[in-house]
Amino acid sequence: MTQPTLDRRDARAGHLDVALRLVTGGLPVLPLRVGKGPFGNCRNCANNACGGRPNMKTPGPCACPWPCHAWAAATTDPAVIASPAWKTAWRYAGAVAYHPGGAGLAVVDLDDADAVAWARQTLPPTRTVTTTRGEHWIYRGAMRSVNGVREGVDLKSTMSYARWLGPGTGALADLPDVVRALAVKKPATVQPAPRAVTVPAPAGDAECRHRSPAYLERGIAMAEQRITDATSAVHATVYRTFLAVLSGHGRCGCLTETHIARLFTAAQAKGESPRHCTDAWTNARTALGM
C-alpha cells in the first residue's frame, strides 16, 4: 500500500475530497457522523436484514447504495465514494474514517496520557498520529481488533475502523509481537461489578419470588446467549441485556458475583472492555433506581 499523505489543500478540503485523495493510496474509507460513529443502516439493511456485511471477513460496499454496516462499508472505489448516496452522507459527516485491516495496518489507539507514556516505554517506534485525547500508533501488518487490552488501549485493525486525523509523523514499522500479544486475552481477566446486587426484597416478601434456582439459571443463560448472538450494536445489546437481567432478578438479592462475571465474560468475548462492562452495569442499575 502506498502510504497516503495530505498536503495543505487537504486541511481546507471537505470530507469527500479528503476521502478521494486517501483511496489513491489504497486506504479503504468511510464517512463518520458527528460523534465519531458510523452512519446507521438503511431500511433494507436495518437489523442486518440483508445478511450483514460484518459477518464477512473483508470490507467493501453493501449491495445497497448507502454506507451501511460500519467498517464493512469501507471502500477504495472512487465511484462508490462519490456516488449520490455517499455524497449525502459526506455532506453530514463529522469525520473521515478508514479500515486499517483492509489496508494491511494495525492501529494502537492510546486514549490518554498514561497510555501514551506506557507505549513510549513498551512499544517499538512507528508512525504516530495525535488524537484529541492521546495518540494512534500505526504499524504495518493486520491483526484482529480488541478493545480494552489494557487501561486506555484499544487495538483497531480487521473488522474495525479508525478516524483519519492526518498522516502523522515517523516511519511505519512492522507489527511487532508485543502488539500481537496484547490481543491474547487471559481467561482470568474478567472484572465483574465491584459487588453483587443485594437490593433488599420488598417489605413483607423476604422470600425470593423466583423460588427455584433453575429460573435464575435459565435467565442468565438466555442473557449470555443474547450477547453472544449480537452481530451489530454490541454496546447497546450489552446494556439492554444487563437492564433486562437487573429488572427481572436484581431486586430480590439472588444475583451473585458469579452470575455477573458470566455476563461480563460474554460481553468481553464480543470485544467489550472491562470498563465498558462496568459502565453498562452501573448505568442499568441507575436507570432502574438501584
C-alpha atoms as a PDB file:
ATOM      1  CA  MET A   1       0.000   0.000   0.000  1.00  0.00           C
ATOM      2  CA  THR A   2       1.250   3.470  -0.838  1.00  0.00           C
ATOM      3  CA  GLN A   3       1.191   5.477   2.371  1.00  0.00           C
ATOM      4  CA  PRO A   4      -1.339   8.299   1.800  1.00  0.00           C
ATOM      5  CA  THR A   5      -0.340  11.827   2.654  1.00  0.00           C
ATOM      6  CA  LEU A   6      -2.148  15.121   2.884  1.00  0.00           C
ATOM      7  CA  ASP A   7      -0.914  18.404   1.547  1.00  0.00           C
ATOM      8  CA  ARG A   8      -2.092  21.854   2.634  1.00  0.00           C
ATOM      9  CA  ARG A   9      -5.093  21.666   0.342  1.00  0.00           C
ATOM     10  CA  ASP A  10      -6.452  18.741   2.360  1.00  0.00           C
ATOM     11  CA  ALA A  11      -6.558  20.800   5.552  1.00  0.00           C
ATOM     12  CA  ARG A  12      -9.126  23.031   3.837  1.00  0.00           C
ATOM     13  CA  ALA A  13     -10.866  20.298   1.850  1.00  0.00           C
ATOM     14  CA  GLY A  14     -14.218  18.742   2.585  1.00  0.00           C
ATOM     15  CA  HIS A  15     -14.529  15.169   3.783  1.00  0.00           C
ATOM     16  CA  LEU A  16     -15.335  13.856   0.301  1.00  0.00           C
ATOM     17  CA  ASP A  17     -12.219  15.467  -1.187  1.00  0.00           C
ATOM     18  CA  VAL A  18     -10.050  14.013   1.595  1.00  0.00           C
ATOM     19  CA  ALA A  19     -11.580  10.559   1.099  1.00  0.00           C
ATOM     20  CA  LEU A  20     -10.935  10.619  -2.644  1.00  0.00           C
ATOM     21  CA  ARG A  21      -7.317  11.541  -2.018  1.00  0.00           C
ATOM     22  CA  LEU A  22      -6.827   8.768   0.550  1.00  0.00           C
ATOM     23  CA  VAL A  23      -8.108   5.978  -1.682  1.00  0.00           C
ATOM     24  CA  THR A  24      -5.396   6.753  -4.226  1.00  0.00           C
ATOM     25  CA  GLY A  25      -3.013   5.360  -1.603  1.00  0.00           C
ATOM     26  CA  GLY A  26      -5.104   2.223  -1.098  1.00  0.00           C
ATOM     27  CA  LEU A  27      -6.805   3.244   2.144  1.00  0.00           C
ATOM     28  CA  PRO A  28     -10.428   1.946   2.402  1.00  0.00           C
ATOM     29  CA  VAL A  29     -12.517   4.851   3.698  1.00  0.00           C
ATOM     30  CA  LEU A  30     -15.999   5.517   5.054  1.00  0.00           C
ATOM     31  CA  PRO A  31     -17.829   8.548   6.490  1.00  0.00           C
ATOM     32  CA  LEU A  32     -18.457   9.005  10.211  1.00  0.00           C
ATOM     33  CA  ARG A  33     -21.322  11.052  11.553  1.00  0.00           C
ATOM     34  CA  VAL A  34     -20.807  13.796  14.115  1.00  0.00           C
ATOM     35  CA  GLY A  35     -19.932  11.975  17.312  1.00  0.00           C
ATOM     36  CA  LYS A  36     -17.435   9.627  15.608  1.00  0.00           C
ATOM     37  CA  GLY A  37     -19.904   6.790  14.989  1.00  0.00           C
ATOM     38  CA  PRO A  38     -20.780   5.255  11.609  1.00  0.00           C
ATOM     39  CA  PHE A  39     -23.996   6.140   9.819  1.00  0.00           C
ATOM     40  CA  GLY A  40     -26.925   3.857  10.581  1.00  0.00           C
ATOM     41  CA  ASN A  41     -28.008   1.141   8.212  1.00  0.00           C
ATOM     42  CA  CYS A  42     -30.557   1.958   5.542  1.00  0.00           C
ATOM     43  CA  ARG A  43     -34.074   0.495   5.677  1.00  0.00           C
ATOM     44  CA  ASN A  44     -33.100  -2.548   3.612  1.00  0.00           C
ATOM     45  CA  CYS A  45     -30.160  -3.314   5.901  1.00  0.00           C
ATOM     46  CA  ALA A  46     -31.805  -2.478   9.252  1.00  0.00           C
ATOM     47  CA  ASN A  47     -31.162  -5.216  11.824  1.00  0.00           C
ATOM     48  CA  ASN A  48     -28.923  -6.906   9.238  1.00  0.00           C
ATOM     49  CA  ALA A  49     -31.964  -7.930   7.188  1.00  0.00           C
ATOM     50  CA  CYS A  50     -29.700  -8.129   4.124  1.00  0.00           C
ATOM     51  CA  GLY A  51     -27.358 -10.614   5.775  1.00  0.00           C
ATOM     52  CA  GLY A  52     -24.951  -8.101   7.205  1.00  0.00           C
ATOM     53  CA  ARG A  53     -21.501  -7.447   5.782  1.00  0.00           C
ATOM     54  CA  PRO A  54     -19.919  -7.549   9.268  1.00  0.00           C
ATOM     55  CA  ASN A  55     -20.287 -11.332   9.007  1.00  0.00           C
ATOM     56  CA  MET A  56     -17.773 -11.234   6.161  1.00  0.00           C
ATOM     57  CA  LYS A  57     -14.006 -11.005   6.520  1.00  0.00           C
ATOM     58  CA  THR A  58     -13.234  -8.250   4.007  1.00  0.00           C
ATOM     59  CA  PRO A  59     -14.571  -4.707   3.628  1.00  0.00           C
ATOM     60  CA  GLY A  60     -16.490  -3.380   0.680  1.00  0.00           C
ATOM     61  CA  PRO A  61     -19.698  -1.578  -0.215  1.00  0.00           C
ATOM     62  CA  CYS A  62     -23.020  -3.210   0.549  1.00  0.00           C
ATOM     63  CA  ALA A  63     -25.380  -4.047  -2.292  1.00  0.00           C
ATOM     64  CA  CYS A  64     -27.442  -1.045  -1.219  1.00  0.00           C
ATOM     65  CA  PRO A  65     -26.247   2.468  -2.165  1.00  0.00           C
ATOM     66  CA  TRP A  66     -25.879   3.784   1.424  1.00  0.00           C
ATOM     67  CA  PRO A  67     -22.661   3.317   3.508  1.00  0.00           C
ATOM     68  CA  CYS A  68     -24.132   0.539   5.671  1.00  0.00           C
ATOM     69  CA  HIS A  69     -22.560  -1.878   8.175  1.00  0.00           C
ATOM     70  CA  ALA A  70     -19.928   0.413   9.694  1.00  0.00           C
ATOM     71  CA  TRP A  71     -16.346  -0.790   8.982  1.00  0.00           C
ATOM     72  CA  ALA A  72     -17.601  -3.154   6.280  1.00  0.00           C
ATOM     73  CA  ALA A  73     -18.709  -0.191   4.164  1.00  0.00           C
ATOM     74  CA  ALA A  74     -15.108   0.973   3.755  1.00  0.00           C
ATOM     75  CA  THR A  75     -14.087   1.028   0.100  1.00  0.00           C
ATOM     76  CA  THR A  76     -11.333   2.222  -2.208  1.00  0.00           C
ATOM     77  CA  ASP A  77     -13.714   2.635  -5.152  1.00  0.00           C
ATOM     78  CA  PRO A  78     -13.897   6.340  -6.094  1.00  0.00           C
ATOM     79  CA  ALA A  79     -17.186   5.743  -7.935  1.00  0.00           C
ATOM     80  CA  VAL A  80     -18.835   4.485  -4.737  1.00  0.00           C
ATOM     81  CA  ILE A  81     -17.306   7.223  -2.588  1.00  0.00           C
ATOM     82  CA  ALA A  82     -18.594   9.941  -4.951  1.00  0.00           C
ATOM     83  CA  SER A  83     -21.990   8.297  -5.613  1.00  0.00           C
ATOM     84  CA  PRO A  84     -25.155  10.314  -4.831  1.00  0.00           C
ATOM     85  CA  ALA A  85     -25.993   8.391  -1.649  1.00  0.00           C
ATOM     86  CA  TRP A  86     -22.451   8.655  -0.298  1.00  0.00           C
ATOM     87  CA  LYS A  87     -22.288  12.339  -1.223  1.00  0.00           C
ATOM     88  CA  THR A  88     -25.304  12.862   1.022  1.00  0.00           C
ATOM     89  CA  ALA A  89     -23.512  11.063   3.846  1.00  0.00           C
ATOM     90  CA  TRP A  90     -20.337  13.100   3.314  1.00  0.00           C
ATOM     91  CA  ARG A  91     -22.374  16.291   3.471  1.00  0.00           C
ATOM     92  CA  TYR A  92     -23.474  15.435   7.014  1.00  0.00           C
ATOM     93  CA  ALA A  93     -20.276  13.653   8.063  1.00  0.00           C
ATOM     94  CA  GLY A  94     -18.226  14.727  11.034  1.00  0.00           C
ATOM     95  CA  ALA A  95     -15.041  12.879  10.048  1.00  0.00           C
ATOM     96  CA  VAL A  96     -13.379  10.515   7.591  1.00  0.00           C
ATOM     97  CA  ALA A  97     -12.606   7.010   8.845  1.00  0.00           C
ATOM     98  CA  TYR A  98     -10.679   4.104   7.364  1.00  0.00           C
ATOM     99  CA  HIS A  99     -10.487   0.335   7.817  1.00  0.00           C
ATOM    100  CA  PRO A 100      -6.914  -0.341   8.987  1.00  0.00           C
ATOM    101  CA  GLY A 101      -7.046  -4.104   8.422  1.00  0.00           C
ATOM    102  CA  GLY A 102      -8.230  -3.579   4.843  1.00  0.00           C
ATOM    103  CA  ALA A 103      -5.067  -1.587   4.211  1.00  0.00           C
ATOM    104  CA  GLY A 104      -2.791  -4.076   5.962  1.00  0.00           C
ATOM    105  CA  LEU A 105      -2.388  -1.828   9.006  1.00  0.00           C
ATOM    106  CA  ALA A 106      -2.944  -2.047  12.755  1.00  0.00           C
ATOM    107  CA  VAL A 107      -3.653   0.955  14.986  1.00  0.00           C
ATOM    108  CA  VAL A 108      -2.812   1.002  18.678  1.00  0.00           C
ATOM    109  CA  ASP A 109      -5.334   3.544  19.981  1.00  0.00           C
ATOM    110  CA  LEU A 110      -3.930   5.235  23.094  1.00  0.00           C
ATOM    111  CA  ASP A 111      -6.762   7.036  24.822  1.00  0.00           C
ATOM    112  CA  ASP A 112      -4.965   9.155  27.413  1.00  0.00           C
ATOM    113  CA  ALA A 113      -1.601  10.448  28.599  1.00  0.00           C
ATOM    114  CA  ASP A 114      -0.938   7.386  30.787  1.00  0.00           C
ATOM    115  CA  ALA A 115      -1.491   5.055  27.831  1.00  0.00           C
ATOM    116  CA  VAL A 116       0.832   7.148  25.655  1.00  0.00           C
ATOM    117  CA  ALA A 117       3.526   7.033  28.340  1.00  0.00           C
ATOM    118  CA  TRP A 118       3.165   3.236  28.541  1.00  0.00           C
ATOM    119  CA  ALA A 119       3.521   2.907  24.755  1.00  0.00           C
ATOM    120  CA  ARG A 120       6.659   5.015  24.666  1.00  0.00           C
ATOM    121  CA  GLN A 121       8.242   2.746  27.260  1.00  0.00           C
ATOM    122  CA  THR A 122       6.982  -0.538  25.791  1.00  0.00           C
ATOM    123  CA  LEU A 123       6.358  -0.440  22.032  1.00  0.00           C
ATOM    124  CA  PRO A 124       8.812  -0.048  19.118  1.00  0.00           C
ATOM    125  CA  PRO A 125       8.714   3.408  17.487  1.00  0.00           C
ATOM    126  CA  THR A 126       6.468   3.739  14.452  1.00  0.00           C
ATOM    127  CA  ARG A 127       4.248   6.299  12.742  1.00  0.00           C
ATOM    128  CA  THR A 128       2.209   8.258  15.322  1.00  0.00           C
ATOM    129  CA  VAL A 129      -0.840  10.466  14.897  1.00  0.00           C
ATOM    130  CA  THR A 130      -2.049  12.888  17.564  1.00  0.00           C
ATOM    131  CA  THR A 131      -5.703  12.414  18.585  1.00  0.00           C
ATOM    132  CA  THR A 132      -7.988  14.551  20.718  1.00  0.00           C
ATOM    133  CA  ARG A 133      -7.022  12.675  23.891  1.00  0.00           C
ATOM    134  CA  GLY A 134      -3.901  10.683  23.052  1.00  0.00           C
ATOM    135  CA  GLU A 135      -2.213   9.119  20.034  1.00  0.00           C
ATOM    136  CA  HIS A 136      -2.611   6.477  17.330  1.00  0.00           C
ATOM    137  CA  TRP A 137       0.459   4.287  16.801  1.00  0.00           C
ATOM    138  CA  ILE A 138       0.224   2.712  13.340  1.00  0.00           C
ATOM    139  CA  TYR A 139       2.067  -0.452  12.343  1.00  0.00           C
ATOM    140  CA  ARG A 140       2.404  -2.308   9.026  1.00  0.00           C
ATOM    141  CA  GLY A 141       0.518  -5.581   9.403  1.00  0.00           C
ATOM    142  CA  ALA A 142      -3.054  -6.666  10.146  1.00  0.00           C
ATOM    143  CA  MET A 143      -4.398  -8.474  13.205  1.00  0.00           C
ATOM    144  CA  ARG A 144      -7.696  -8.931  14.995  1.00  0.00           C
ATOM    145  CA  SER A 145      -9.189  -5.924  16.751  1.00  0.00           C
ATOM    146  CA  VAL A 146      -9.701  -5.956  20.526  1.00  0.00           C
ATOM    147  CA  ASN A 147     -10.958  -3.210  22.836  1.00  0.00           C
ATOM    148  CA  GLY A 148      -9.565  -2.654  26.309  1.00  0.00           C
ATOM    149  CA  VAL A 149      -6.413  -4.764  26.084  1.00  0.00           C
ATOM    150  CA  ARG A 150      -5.190  -2.617  28.957  1.00  0.00           C
ATOM    151  CA  GLU A 151      -6.441   0.611  30.525  1.00  0.00           C
ATOM    152  CA  GLY A 152      -6.872   3.222  27.785  1.00  0.00           C
ATOM    153  CA  VAL A 153      -5.567   0.976  24.974  1.00  0.00           C
ATOM    154  CA  ASP A 154      -7.595  -0.463  22.065  1.00  0.00           C
ATOM    155  CA  LEU A 155      -6.365  -2.362  19.002  1.00  0.00           C
ATOM    156  CA  LYS A 156      -8.004  -1.425  15.687  1.00  0.00           C
ATOM    157  CA  SER A 157      -7.244  -3.466  12.582  1.00  0.00           C
ATOM    158  CA  THR A 158      -9.531  -6.080  10.977  1.00  0.00           C
ATOM    159  CA  MET A 159     -13.287  -5.586  11.345  1.00  0.00           C
ATOM    160  CA  SER A 160     -12.818  -2.142  12.878  1.00  0.00           C
ATOM    161  CA  TYR A 161     -12.333   1.480  11.839  1.00  0.00           C
ATOM    162  CA  ALA A 162     -10.203   4.427  12.919  1.00  0.00           C
ATOM    163  CA  ARG A 163     -10.589   8.133  12.278  1.00  0.00           C
ATOM    164  CA  TRP A 164      -8.270   9.728   9.733  1.00  0.00           C
ATOM    165  CA  LEU A 165      -6.534  12.533  11.611  1.00  0.00           C
ATOM    166  CA  GLY A 166      -3.669  13.200   9.215  1.00  0.00           C
ATOM    167  CA  PRO A 167      -0.574  11.377   8.009  1.00  0.00           C
ATOM    168  CA  GLY A 168       1.237  11.607  11.350  1.00  0.00           C
ATOM    169  CA  THR A 169       4.986  11.544  11.862  1.00  0.00           C
ATOM    170  CA  GLY A 170       7.644   8.865  11.719  1.00  0.00           C
ATOM    171  CA  ALA A 171       8.213   5.827   9.524  1.00  0.00           C
ATOM    172  CA  LEU A 172       5.859   2.841   9.546  1.00  0.00           C
ATOM    173  CA  ALA A 173       7.324  -0.105  11.430  1.00  0.00           C
ATOM    174  CA  ASP A 174       6.321  -3.750  11.042  1.00  0.00           C
ATOM    175  CA  LEU A 175       3.719  -5.003  13.506  1.00  0.00           C
ATOM    176  CA  PRO A 176       5.730  -6.327  16.479  1.00  0.00           C
ATOM    177  CA  ASP A 177       4.992  -9.427  18.518  1.00  0.00           C
ATOM    178  CA  VAL A 178       4.455  -7.293  21.627  1.00  0.00           C
ATOM    179  CA  VAL A 179       1.395  -5.732  19.993  1.00  0.00           C
ATOM    180  CA  ARG A 180       0.065  -9.072  18.720  1.00  0.00           C
ATOM    181  CA  ALA A 181       0.408 -10.455  22.225  1.00  0.00           C
ATOM    182  CA  LEU A 182      -1.902  -7.759  23.554  1.00  0.00           C
ATOM    183  CA  ALA A 183      -4.779  -9.357  21.632  1.00  0.00           C
ATOM    184  CA  VAL A 184      -4.428 -12.629  23.533  1.00  0.00           C
ATOM    185  CA  LYS A 185      -6.932 -12.334  26.347  1.00  0.00           C
ATOM    186  CA  LYS A 186      -6.306 -14.223  29.545  1.00  0.00           C
ATOM    187  CA  PRO A 187      -9.375 -16.072  30.864  1.00  0.00           C
ATOM    188  CA  ALA A 188      -8.857 -14.740  34.383  1.00  0.00           C
ATOM    189  CA  THR A 189      -9.043 -11.061  33.455  1.00  0.00           C
ATOM    190  CA  VAL A 190     -12.830 -10.752  33.782  1.00  0.00           C
ATOM    191  CA  GLN A 191     -13.647  -7.855  36.084  1.00  0.00           C
ATOM    192  CA  PRO A 192     -17.219  -8.113  37.359  1.00  0.00           C
ATOM    193  CA  ALA A 193     -19.062  -5.299  39.064  1.00  0.00           C
ATOM    194  CA  PRO A 194     -17.492  -4.343  42.398  1.00  0.00           C
ATOM    195  CA  ARG A 195     -20.168  -6.250  44.337  1.00  0.00           C
ATOM    196  CA  ALA A 196     -23.209  -8.423  43.806  1.00  0.00           C
ATOM    197  CA  VAL A 197     -26.570  -6.740  43.580  1.00  0.00           C
ATOM    198  CA  THR A 198     -28.100  -7.037  47.053  1.00  0.00           C
ATOM    199  CA  VAL A 199     -31.054  -4.683  46.921  1.00  0.00           C
ATOM    200  CA  PRO A 200     -33.403  -5.760  49.761  1.00  0.00           C
ATOM    201  CA  ALA A 201     -36.605  -7.549  48.877  1.00  0.00           C
ATOM    202  CA  PRO A 202     -39.812  -5.516  49.176  1.00  0.00           C
ATOM    203  CA  ALA A 203     -41.195  -5.377  52.703  1.00  0.00           C
ATOM    204  CA  GLY A 204     -43.251  -8.432  53.588  1.00  0.00           C
ATOM    205  CA  ASP A 205     -41.716 -10.591  50.863  1.00  0.00           C
ATOM    206  CA  ALA A 206     -38.368 -11.815  52.140  1.00  0.00           C
ATOM    207  CA  GLU A 207     -38.505 -14.997  50.059  1.00  0.00           C
ATOM    208  CA  CYS A 208     -37.069 -14.828  46.545  1.00  0.00           C
ATOM    209  CA  ARG A 209     -40.019 -14.698  44.176  1.00  0.00           C
ATOM    210  CA  HIS A 210     -38.186 -16.952  41.729  1.00  0.00           C
ATOM    211  CA  ARG A 211     -38.385 -19.841  44.229  1.00  0.00           C
ATOM    212  CA  SER A 212     -36.304 -22.184  42.042  1.00  0.00           C
ATOM    213  CA  PRO A 213     -32.602 -21.594  41.194  1.00  0.00           C
ATOM    214  CA  ALA A 214     -33.388 -23.045  37.757  1.00  0.00           C
ATOM    215  CA  TYR A 215     -35.408 -19.944  36.903  1.00  0.00           C
ATOM    216  CA  LEU A 216     -32.431 -17.669  37.541  1.00  0.00           C
ATOM    217  CA  GLU A 217     -30.037 -20.030  35.751  1.00  0.00           C
ATOM    218  CA  ARG A 218     -32.262 -20.033  32.678  1.00  0.00           C
ATOM    219  CA  GLY A 219     -32.422 -16.223  32.720  1.00  0.00           C
ATOM    220  CA  ILE A 220     -28.637 -15.840  32.938  1.00  0.00           C
ATOM    221  CA  ALA A 221     -28.089 -18.430  30.181  1.00  0.00           C
ATOM    222  CA  MET A 222     -30.535 -16.604  27.889  1.00  0.00           C
ATOM    223  CA  ALA A 223     -28.791 -13.291  28.616  1.00  0.00           C
ATOM    224  CA  GLU A 224     -25.387 -14.792  27.782  1.00  0.00           C
ATOM    225  CA  GLN A 225     -26.762 -16.139  24.505  1.00  0.00           C
ATOM    226  CA  ARG A 226     -28.355 -12.796  23.590  1.00  0.00           C
ATOM    227  CA  ILE A 227     -24.975 -11.071  23.950  1.00  0.00           C
ATOM    228  CA  THR A 228     -23.124 -13.833  22.107  1.00  0.00           C
ATOM    229  CA  ASP A 229     -25.554 -13.721  19.174  1.00  0.00           C
ATOM    230  CA  ALA A 230     -25.209  -9.938  18.682  1.00  0.00           C
ATOM    231  CA  THR A 231     -23.870  -9.147  15.190  1.00  0.00           C
ATOM    232  CA  SER A 232     -24.116  -5.364  15.449  1.00  0.00           C
ATOM    233  CA  ALA A 233     -24.739  -2.642  18.060  1.00  0.00           C
ATOM    234  CA  VAL A 234     -22.877  -4.718  20.655  1.00  0.00           C
ATOM    235  CA  HIS A 235     -22.683  -1.802  23.134  1.00  0.00           C
ATOM    236  CA  ALA A 236     -26.455  -1.316  23.031  1.00  0.00           C
ATOM    237  CA  THR A 237     -27.152  -5.062  23.212  1.00  0.00           C
ATOM    238  CA  VAL A 238     -24.972  -5.458  26.293  1.00  0.00           C
ATOM    239  CA  TYR A 239     -26.654  -2.540  28.044  1.00  0.00           C
ATOM    240  CA  ARG A 240     -30.175  -3.727  27.204  1.00  0.00           C
ATOM    241  CA  THR A 241     -29.317  -7.253  28.354  1.00  0.00           C
ATOM    242  CA  PHE A 242     -27.902  -6.010  31.656  1.00  0.00           C
ATOM    243  CA  LEU A 243     -31.026  -3.888  32.080  1.00  0.00           C
ATOM    244  CA  ALA A 244     -33.281  -6.893  31.478  1.00  0.00           C
ATOM    245  CA  VAL A 245     -31.351  -9.092  33.926  1.00  0.00           C
ATOM    246  CA  LEU A 246     -31.457  -6.462  36.659  1.00  0.00           C
ATOM    247  CA  SER A 247     -35.114  -5.763  36.022  1.00  0.00           C
ATOM    248  CA  GLY A 248     -36.001  -9.432  36.397  1.00  0.00           C
ATOM    249  CA  HIS A 249     -33.526 -10.573  39.049  1.00  0.00           C
ATOM    250  CA  GLY A 250     -31.936  -7.529  40.656  1.00  0.00           C
ATOM    251  CA  ARG A 251     -34.362  -6.622  43.409  1.00  0.00           C
ATOM    252  CA  CYS A 252     -34.604  -9.903  45.297  1.00  0.00           C
ATOM    253  CA  GLY A 253     -30.897 -10.212  46.077  1.00  0.00           C
ATOM    254  CA  CYS A 254     -30.424 -13.504  44.208  1.00  0.00           C
ATOM    255  CA  LEU A 255     -27.698 -12.316  41.788  1.00  0.00           C
ATOM    256  CA  THR A 256     -24.160 -13.210  42.806  1.00  0.00           C
ATOM    257  CA  GLU A 257     -20.687 -12.242  41.655  1.00  0.00           C
ATOM    258  CA  THR A 258     -20.587 -15.495  39.672  1.00  0.00           C
ATOM    259  CA  HIS A 259     -23.722 -14.583  37.715  1.00  0.00           C
ATOM    260  CA  ILE A 260     -22.404 -11.104  36.956  1.00  0.00           C
ATOM    261  CA  ALA A 261     -18.997 -12.471  35.913  1.00  0.00           C
ATOM    262  CA  ARG A 262     -20.705 -14.775  33.396  1.00  0.00           C
ATOM    263  CA  LEU A 263     -22.438 -11.787  31.780  1.00  0.00           C
ATOM    264  CA  PHE A 264     -19.202  -9.766  31.732  1.00  0.00           C
ATOM    265  CA  THR A 265     -17.325 -12.704  30.182  1.00  0.00           C
ATOM    266  CA  ALA A 266     -19.872 -12.953  27.367  1.00  0.00           C
ATOM    267  CA  ALA A 267     -19.645  -9.207  26.743  1.00  0.00           C
ATOM    268  CA  GLN A 268     -15.828  -9.204  26.698  1.00  0.00           C
ATOM    269  CA  ALA A 269     -15.830 -12.095  24.235  1.00  0.00           C
ATOM    270  CA  LYS A 270     -17.666  -9.728  21.860  1.00  0.00           C
ATOM    271  CA  GLY A 271     -14.932  -7.100  22.259  1.00  0.00           C
ATOM    272  CA  GLU A 272     -16.266  -5.052  25.170  1.00  0.00           C
ATOM    273  CA  SER A 273     -13.661  -3.831  27.645  1.00  0.00           C
ATOM    274  CA  PRO A 274     -13.985  -4.406  31.411  1.00  0.00           C
ATOM    275  CA  ARG A 275     -14.538  -0.671  31.783  1.00  0.00           C
ATOM    276  CA  HIS A 276     -17.400  -0.693  29.265  1.00  0.00           C
ATOM    277  CA  CYS A 277     -18.994  -3.636  31.063  1.00  0.00           C
ATOM    278  CA  THR A 278     -18.796  -1.923  34.424  1.00  0.00           C
ATOM    279  CA  ASP A 279     -20.205   1.313  32.986  1.00  0.00           C
ATOM    280  CA  ALA A 280     -23.094  -0.521  31.301  1.00  0.00           C
ATOM    281  CA  TRP A 281     -23.909  -2.393  34.527  1.00  0.00           C
ATOM    282  CA  THR A 282     -23.805   0.813  36.589  1.00  0.00           C
ATOM    283  CA  ASN A 283     -25.949   2.703  34.069  1.00  0.00           C
ATOM    284  CA  ALA A 284     -28.515  -0.098  34.053  1.00  0.00           C
ATOM    285  CA  ARG A 285     -28.728  -0.059  37.855  1.00  0.00           C
ATOM    286  CA  THR A 286     -29.103   3.710  37.827  1.00  0.00           C
ATOM    287  CA  ALA A 287     -31.875   3.539  35.221  1.00  0.00           C
ATOM    288  CA  LEU A 288     -33.790   1.125  37.470  1.00  0.00           C
ATOM    289  CA  GLY A 289     -33.195   3.207  40.616  1.00  0.00           C
ATOM    290  CA  MET A 290     -30.998   0.597  42.288  1.00  0.00           C
END
